Every structure is written in C-alpha cells, then in structure tokens.
Amino acid sequence: NDYKYEDVFVGQLQNYGRSGDVALAM
C-alpha cells in the first residue's frame, strides 16, 4: 500500500536479512 507490491519481500529483507543469511525464492 505505502510503496508497491514489488516491495513486499525486499522491504522485509531490509529489516530481517543480514549478510550470510539465506534468501530462498520460489
């Protein structure tokens, strides 16, 4: 809503993701 649907995962990764973590997309 505040950005765009394209940002629903990257927005969360910016909070949770750290170097060395694993991002697995399907």
PDB file of all heavy atoms in Angstrom:
ATOM      1  N   ASN A   1       0.822  -1.212   0.000  1.00  0.00           N
ATOM      2  CA  ASN A   1       0.000   0.000   0.000  1.00  0.00           C
ATOM      3  C   ASN A   1       0.862   1.271   0.000  1.00  0.00           C
ATOM      4  O   ASN A   1       0.625   2.193  -0.773  1.00  0.00           O
ATOM      5  CB  ASN A   1      -0.921   0.014   1.221  1.00  0.00           C
ATOM      6  CG  ASN A   1      -1.844   1.207   1.230  1.00  0.00           C
ATOM      7  OD1 ASN A   1      -2.708   1.320   0.366  1.00  0.00           O
ATOM      8  ND2 ASN A   1      -1.662   2.092   2.190  1.00  0.00           N
ATOM      9  N   ASP A   2       1.884   1.303   0.865  1.00  0.00           N
ATOM     10  CA  ASP A   2       2.694   2.508   1.015  1.00  0.00           C
ATOM     11  C   ASP A   2       3.758   2.650  -0.068  1.00  0.00           C
ATOM     12  O   ASP A   2       4.188   3.766  -0.357  1.00  0.00           O
ATOM     13  CB  ASP A   2       3.360   2.531   2.391  1.00  0.00           C
ATOM     14  CG  ASP A   2       2.340   2.620   3.518  1.00  0.00           C
ATOM     15  OD1 ASP A   2       1.151   2.874   3.241  1.00  0.00           O
ATOM     16  OD2 ASP A   2       2.729   2.422   4.682  1.00  0.00           O
ATOM     17  N   TYR A   3       4.184   1.541  -0.628  1.00  0.00           N
ATOM     18  CA  TYR A   3       5.186   1.556  -1.699  1.00  0.00           C
ATOM     19  C   TYR A   3       4.561   0.946  -2.942  1.00  0.00           C
ATOM     20  O   TYR A   3       3.788   1.575  -3.617  1.00  0.00           O
ATOM     21  CB  TYR A   3       6.468   0.835  -1.266  1.00  0.00           C
ATOM     22  CG  TYR A   3       7.034   1.379   0.032  1.00  0.00           C
ATOM     23  CD1 TYR A   3       7.108   0.586   1.164  1.00  0.00           C
ATOM     24  CD2 TYR A   3       7.475   2.696   0.131  1.00  0.00           C
ATOM     25  CE1 TYR A   3       7.621   1.087   2.355  1.00  0.00           C
ATOM     26  CE2 TYR A   3       7.982   3.202   1.319  1.00  0.00           C
ATOM     27  CZ  TYR A   3       8.054   2.388   2.431  1.00  0.00           C
ATOM     28  OH  TYR A   3       8.547   2.877   3.606  1.00  0.00           O
ATOM     29  N   LYS A   4       4.889  -0.316  -3.190  1.00  0.00           N
ATOM     30  CA  LYS A   4       4.250  -1.054  -4.280  1.00  0.00           C
ATOM     31  C   LYS A   4       4.411  -2.544  -4.002  1.00  0.00           C
ATOM     32  O   LYS A   4       5.275  -2.951  -3.226  1.00  0.00           O
ATOM     33  CB  LYS A   4       4.819  -0.665  -5.643  1.00  0.00           C
ATOM     34  CG  LYS A   4       6.310  -0.711  -5.741  1.00  0.00           C
ATOM     35  CD  LYS A   4       6.788  -0.073  -7.024  1.00  0.00           C
ATOM     36  CE  LYS A   4       8.257   0.213  -6.890  1.00  0.00           C
ATOM     37  NZ  LYS A   4       8.716   1.366  -7.525  1.00  0.00           N
ATOM     38  N   TYR A   5       3.598  -3.345  -4.668  1.00  0.00           N
ATOM     39  CA  TYR A   5       3.616  -4.782  -4.393  1.00  0.00           C
ATOM     40  C   TYR A   5       4.995  -5.391  -4.667  1.00  0.00           C
ATOM     41  O   TYR A   5       5.406  -6.339  -4.003  1.00  0.00           O
ATOM     42  CB  TYR A   5       2.534  -5.514  -5.202  1.00  0.00           C
ATOM     43  CG  TYR A   5       2.398  -6.955  -4.775  1.00  0.00           C
ATOM     44  CD1 TYR A   5       1.877  -7.281  -3.524  1.00  0.00           C
ATOM     45  CD2 TYR A   5       2.828  -7.987  -5.591  1.00  0.00           C
ATOM     46  CE1 TYR A   5       1.773  -8.593  -3.105  1.00  0.00           C
ATOM     47  CE2 TYR A   5       2.730  -9.309  -5.184  1.00  0.00           C
ATOM     48  CZ  TYR A   5       2.202  -9.608  -3.943  1.00  0.00           C
ATOM     49  OH  TYR A   5       2.120 -10.902  -3.528  1.00  0.00           O
ATOM     50  N   GLU A   6       5.711  -4.812  -5.565  1.00  0.00           N
ATOM     51  CA  GLU A   6       7.068  -5.256  -5.897  1.00  0.00           C
ATOM     52  C   GLU A   6       7.990  -5.220  -4.667  1.00  0.00           C
ATOM     53  O   GLU A   6       9.013  -5.879  -4.629  1.00  0.00           O
ATOM     54  CB  GLU A   6       7.580  -4.318  -6.987  1.00  0.00           C
ATOM     55  CG  GLU A   6       8.910  -4.594  -7.556  1.00  0.00           C
ATOM     56  CD  GLU A   6       9.211  -3.603  -8.675  1.00  0.00           C
ATOM     57  OE1 GLU A   6       8.396  -3.487  -9.613  1.00  0.00           O
ATOM     58  OE2 GLU A   6      10.265  -2.958  -8.596  1.00  0.00           O
ATOM     59  N   ASP A   7       7.623  -4.444  -3.648  1.00  0.00           N
ATOM     60  CA  ASP A   7       8.472  -4.253  -2.463  1.00  0.00           C
ATOM     61  C   ASP A   7       8.103  -5.128  -1.265  1.00  0.00           C
ATOM     62  O   ASP A   7       8.711  -4.991  -0.204  1.00  0.00           O
ATOM     63  CB  ASP A   7       8.427  -2.787  -2.034  1.00  0.00           C
ATOM     64  CG  ASP A   7       9.043  -1.864  -3.066  1.00  0.00           C
ATOM     65  OD1 ASP A   7       9.934  -2.295  -3.816  1.00  0.00           O
ATOM     66  OD2 ASP A   7       8.612  -0.690  -3.129  1.00  0.00           O
ATOM     67  N   VAL A   8       7.128  -6.030  -1.409  1.00  0.00           N
ATOM     68  CA  VAL A   8       6.654  -6.769  -0.232  1.00  0.00           C
ATOM     69  C   VAL A   8       7.719  -7.677   0.384  1.00  0.00           C
ATOM     70  O   VAL A   8       7.688  -7.909   1.595  1.00  0.00           O
ATOM     71  CB  VAL A   8       5.359  -7.583  -0.495  1.00  0.00           C
ATOM     72  CG1 VAL A   8       4.201  -6.667  -0.821  1.00  0.00           C
ATOM     73  CG2 VAL A   8       5.554  -8.649  -1.534  1.00  0.00           C
ATOM     74  N   PHE A   9       8.649  -8.168  -0.408  1.00  0.00           N
ATOM     75  CA  PHE A   9       9.698  -9.038   0.149  1.00  0.00           C
ATOM     76  C   PHE A   9      10.973  -8.259   0.450  1.00  0.00           C
ATOM     77  O   PHE A   9      11.586  -8.448   1.496  1.00  0.00           O
ATOM     78  CB  PHE A   9       9.982 -10.217  -0.775  1.00  0.00           C
ATOM     79  CG  PHE A   9       8.767 -11.076  -1.044  1.00  0.00           C
ATOM     80  CD1 PHE A   9       8.448 -11.478  -2.332  1.00  0.00           C
ATOM     81  CD2 PHE A   9       7.922 -11.465  -0.021  1.00  0.00           C
ATOM     82  CE1 PHE A   9       7.327 -12.246  -2.590  1.00  0.00           C
ATOM     83  CE2 PHE A   9       6.792 -12.232  -0.260  1.00  0.00           C
ATOM     84  CZ  PHE A   9       6.494 -12.630  -1.557  1.00  0.00           C
ATOM     85  N   VAL A  10      11.364  -7.373  -0.448  1.00  0.00           N
ATOM     86  CA  VAL A  10      12.593  -6.605  -0.214  1.00  0.00           C
ATOM     87  C   VAL A  10      12.447  -5.734   1.026  1.00  0.00           C
ATOM     88  O   VAL A  10      13.398  -5.570   1.797  1.00  0.00           O
ATOM     89  CB  VAL A  10      13.023  -5.786  -1.461  1.00  0.00           C
ATOM     90  CG1 VAL A  10      12.109  -4.594  -1.700  1.00  0.00           C
ATOM     91  CG2 VAL A  10      14.467  -5.327  -1.334  1.00  0.00           C
ATOM     92  N   GLY A  11      11.254  -5.194   1.258  1.00  0.00           N
ATOM     93  CA  GLY A  11      11.028  -4.382   2.453  1.00  0.00           C
ATOM     94  C   GLY A  11      11.254  -5.172   3.724  1.00  0.00           C
ATOM     95  O   GLY A  11      11.812  -4.659   4.700  1.00  0.00           O
ATOM     96  N   GLN A  12      10.845  -6.427   3.741  1.00  0.00           N
ATOM     97  CA  GLN A  12      11.062  -7.283   4.911  1.00  0.00           C
ATOM     98  C   GLN A  12      12.524  -7.710   5.012  1.00  0.00           C
ATOM     99  O   GLN A  12      13.087  -7.759   6.113  1.00  0.00           O
ATOM    100  CB  GLN A  12      10.155  -8.508   4.846  1.00  0.00           C
ATOM    101  CG  GLN A  12       8.675  -8.160   4.966  1.00  0.00           C
ATOM    102  CD  GLN A  12       7.820  -9.398   4.903  1.00  0.00           C
ATOM    103  OE1 GLN A  12       7.766 -10.167   5.864  1.00  0.00           O
ATOM    104  NE2 GLN A  12       7.157  -9.603   3.777  1.00  0.00           N
ATOM    105  N   LEU A  13      13.143  -8.011   3.877  1.00  0.00           N
ATOM    106  CA  LEU A  13      14.557  -8.389   3.900  1.00  0.00           C
ATOM    107  C   LEU A  13      15.423  -7.273   4.475  1.00  0.00           C
ATOM    108  O   LEU A  13      16.408  -7.540   5.166  1.00  0.00           O
ATOM    109  CB  LEU A  13      15.055  -8.744   2.489  1.00  0.00           C
ATOM    110  CG  LEU A  13      14.643 -10.095   1.936  1.00  0.00           C
ATOM    111  CD1 LEU A  13      15.167 -10.257   0.513  1.00  0.00           C
ATOM    112  CD2 LEU A  13      15.127 -11.237   2.815  1.00  0.00           C
ATOM    113  N   GLN A  14      15.056  -6.030   4.200  1.00  0.00           N
ATOM    114  CA  GLN A  14      15.825  -4.903   4.727  1.00  0.00           C
ATOM    115  C   GLN A  14      15.801  -4.886   6.252  1.00  0.00           C
ATOM    116  O   GLN A  14      16.749  -4.419   6.877  1.00  0.00           O
ATOM    117  CB  GLN A  14      15.289  -3.588   4.154  1.00  0.00           C
ATOM    118  CG  GLN A  14      15.602  -3.440   2.680  1.00  0.00           C
ATOM    119  CD  GLN A  14      14.836  -2.305   2.014  1.00  0.00           C
ATOM    120  OE1 GLN A  14      13.878  -1.755   2.574  1.00  0.00           O
ATOM    121  NE2 GLN A  14      15.246  -1.957   0.808  1.00  0.00           N
ATOM    122  N   ASN A  15      14.737  -5.410   6.846  1.00  0.00           N
ATOM    123  CA  ASN A  15      14.660  -5.497   8.302  1.00  0.00           C
ATOM    124  C   ASN A  15      15.313  -6.764   8.844  1.00  0.00           C
ATOM    125  O   ASN A  15      16.008  -6.722   9.854  1.00  0.00           O
ATOM    126  CB  ASN A  15      13.202  -5.463   8.769  1.00  0.00           C
ATOM    127  CG  ASN A  15      12.619  -4.078   8.738  1.00  0.00           C
ATOM    128  OD1 ASN A  15      12.481  -3.492   7.673  1.00  0.00           O
ATOM    129  ND2 ASN A  15      12.286  -3.544   9.896  1.00  0.00           N
ATOM    130  N   TYR A  16      15.057  -7.888   8.195  1.00  0.00           N
ATOM    131  CA  TYR A  16      15.480  -9.176   8.731  1.00  0.00           C
ATOM    132  C   TYR A  16      16.793  -9.708   8.172  1.00  0.00           C
ATOM    133  O   TYR A  16      17.511 -10.413   8.868  1.00  0.00           O
ATOM    134  CB  TYR A  16      14.403 -10.245   8.462  1.00  0.00           C
ATOM    135  CG  TYR A  16      13.072  -9.989   9.103  1.00  0.00           C
ATOM    136  CD1 TYR A  16      11.901 -10.006   8.349  1.00  0.00           C
ATOM    137  CD2 TYR A  16      12.956  -9.736  10.465  1.00  0.00           C
ATOM    138  CE1 TYR A  16      10.664  -9.792   8.933  1.00  0.00           C
ATOM    139  CE2 TYR A  16      11.723  -9.513  11.059  1.00  0.00           C
ATOM    140  CZ  TYR A  16      10.581  -9.539  10.279  1.00  0.00           C
ATOM    141  OH  TYR A  16       9.356  -9.325  10.850  1.00  0.00           O
ATOM    142  N   GLY A  17      17.078  -9.438   6.916  1.00  0.00           N
ATOM    143  CA  GLY A  17      18.214 -10.068   6.247  1.00  0.00           C
ATOM    144  C   GLY A  17      19.556  -9.480   6.632  1.00  0.00           C
ATOM    145  O   GLY A  17      19.718  -8.262   6.682  1.00  0.00           O
ATOM    146  N   ARG A  18      20.503 -10.346   6.893  1.00  0.00           N
ATOM    147  CA  ARG A  18      21.870  -9.956   7.199  1.00  0.00           C
ATOM    148  C   ARG A  18      22.817 -10.779   6.351  1.00  0.00           C
ATOM    149  O   ARG A  18      22.512 -11.908   5.960  1.00  0.00           O
ATOM    150  CB  ARG A  18      22.187 -10.192   8.685  1.00  0.00           C
ATOM    151  CG  ARG A  18      21.314  -9.411   9.655  1.00  0.00           C
ATOM    152  CD  ARG A  18      21.581  -7.909   9.586  1.00  0.00           C
ATOM    153  NE  ARG A  18      20.710  -7.145  10.456  1.00  0.00           N
ATOM    154  CZ  ARG A  18      19.595  -6.524  10.067  1.00  0.00           C
ATOM    155  NH1 ARG A  18      19.188  -6.603   8.814  1.00  0.00           N
ATOM    156  NH2 ARG A  18      18.870  -5.831  10.919  1.00  0.00           N
ATOM    157  N   SER A  19      23.977 -10.241   6.105  1.00  0.00           N
ATOM    158  CA  SER A  19      24.991 -10.948   5.328  1.00  0.00           C
ATOM    159  C   SER A  19      25.192 -12.355   5.892  1.00  0.00           C
ATOM    160  O   SER A  19      25.284 -12.531   7.109  1.00  0.00           O
ATOM    161  CB  SER A  19      26.309 -10.163   5.383  1.00  0.00           C
ATOM    162  OG  SER A  19      27.273 -10.798   4.591  1.00  0.00           O
ATOM    163  N   GLY A  20      25.220 -13.343   5.019  1.00  0.00           N
ATOM    164  CA  GLY A  20      25.372 -14.731   5.431  1.00  0.00           C
ATOM    165  C   GLY A  20      24.066 -15.478   5.586  1.00  0.00           C
ATOM    166  O   GLY A  20      24.054 -16.713   5.607  1.00  0.00           O
ATOM    167  N   ASP A  21      22.947 -14.751   5.706  1.00  0.00           N
ATOM    168  CA  ASP A  21      21.643 -15.404   5.755  1.00  0.00           C
ATOM    169  C   ASP A  21      21.324 -15.996   4.381  1.00  0.00           C
ATOM    170  O   ASP A  21      22.011 -15.717   3.399  1.00  0.00           O
ATOM    171  CB  ASP A  21      20.546 -14.408   6.139  1.00  0.00           C
ATOM    172  CG  ASP A  21      20.609 -13.968   7.599  1.00  0.00           C
ATOM    173  OD1 ASP A  21      21.283 -14.626   8.402  1.00  0.00           O
ATOM    174  OD2 ASP A  21      19.971 -12.933   7.920  1.00  0.00           O
ATOM    175  N   VAL A  22      20.270 -16.787   4.306  1.00  0.00           N
ATOM    176  CA  VAL A  22      19.852 -17.422   3.054  1.00  0.00           C
ATOM    177  C   VAL A  22      18.503 -16.840   2.625  1.00  0.00           C
ATOM    178  O   VAL A  22      17.551 -16.830   3.401  1.00  0.00           O
ATOM    179  CB  VAL A  22      19.713 -18.954   3.225  1.00  0.00           C
ATOM    180  CG1 VAL A  22      19.225 -19.603   1.932  1.00  0.00           C
ATOM    181  CG2 VAL A  22      21.036 -19.570   3.682  1.00  0.00           C
ATOM    182  N   ALA A  23      18.440 -16.353   1.386  1.00  0.00           N
ATOM    183  CA  ALA A  23      17.180 -15.899   0.781  1.00  0.00           C
ATOM    184  C   ALA A  23      16.799 -16.923  -0.272  1.00  0.00           C
ATOM    185  O   ALA A  23      17.509 -17.093  -1.262  1.00  0.00           O
ATOM    186  CB  ALA A  23      17.347 -14.517   0.158  1.00  0.00           C
ATOM    187  N   LEU A  24      15.692 -17.624  -0.048  1.00  0.00           N
ATOM    188  CA  LEU A  24      15.240 -18.675  -0.955  1.00  0.00           C
ATOM    189  C   LEU A  24      13.903 -18.263  -1.557  1.00  0.00           C
ATOM    190  O   LEU A  24      12.918 -18.110  -0.825  1.00  0.00           O
ATOM    191  CB  LEU A  24      15.117 -20.003  -0.208  1.00  0.00           C
ATOM    192  CG  LEU A  24      14.881 -21.249  -1.042  1.00  0.00           C
ATOM    193  CD1 LEU A  24      15.349 -22.482  -0.290  1.00  0.00           C
ATOM    194  CD2 LEU A  24      13.437 -21.426  -1.462  1.00  0.00           C
ATOM    195  N   ALA A  25      13.887 -18.048  -2.863  1.00  0.00           N
ATOM    196  CA  ALA A  25      12.670 -17.613  -3.558  1.00  0.00           C
ATOM    197  C   ALA A  25      12.179 -18.703  -4.494  1.00  0.00           C
ATOM    198  O   ALA A  25      12.979 -19.387  -5.140  1.00  0.00           O
ATOM    199  CB  ALA A  25      12.944 -16.337  -4.347  1.00  0.00           C
ATOM    200  N   MET A  26      10.857 -18.836  -4.578  1.00  0.00           N
ATOM    201  CA  MET A  26      10.236 -19.810  -5.478  1.00  0.00           C
ATOM    202  C   MET A  26       9.311 -19.078  -6.442  1.00  0.00           C
ATOM    203  O   MET A  26       8.507 -18.252  -6.017  1.00  0.00           O
ATOM    204  CB  MET A  26       9.424 -20.828  -4.684  1.00  0.00           C
ATOM    205  CG  MET A  26      10.252 -21.738  -3.820  1.00  0.00           C
ATOM    206  SD  MET A  26       9.214 -22.923  -2.940  1.00  0.00           S
ATOM    207  CE  MET A  26       9.395 -22.333  -1.270  1.00  0.00           C
TER     208      MET A  26
END
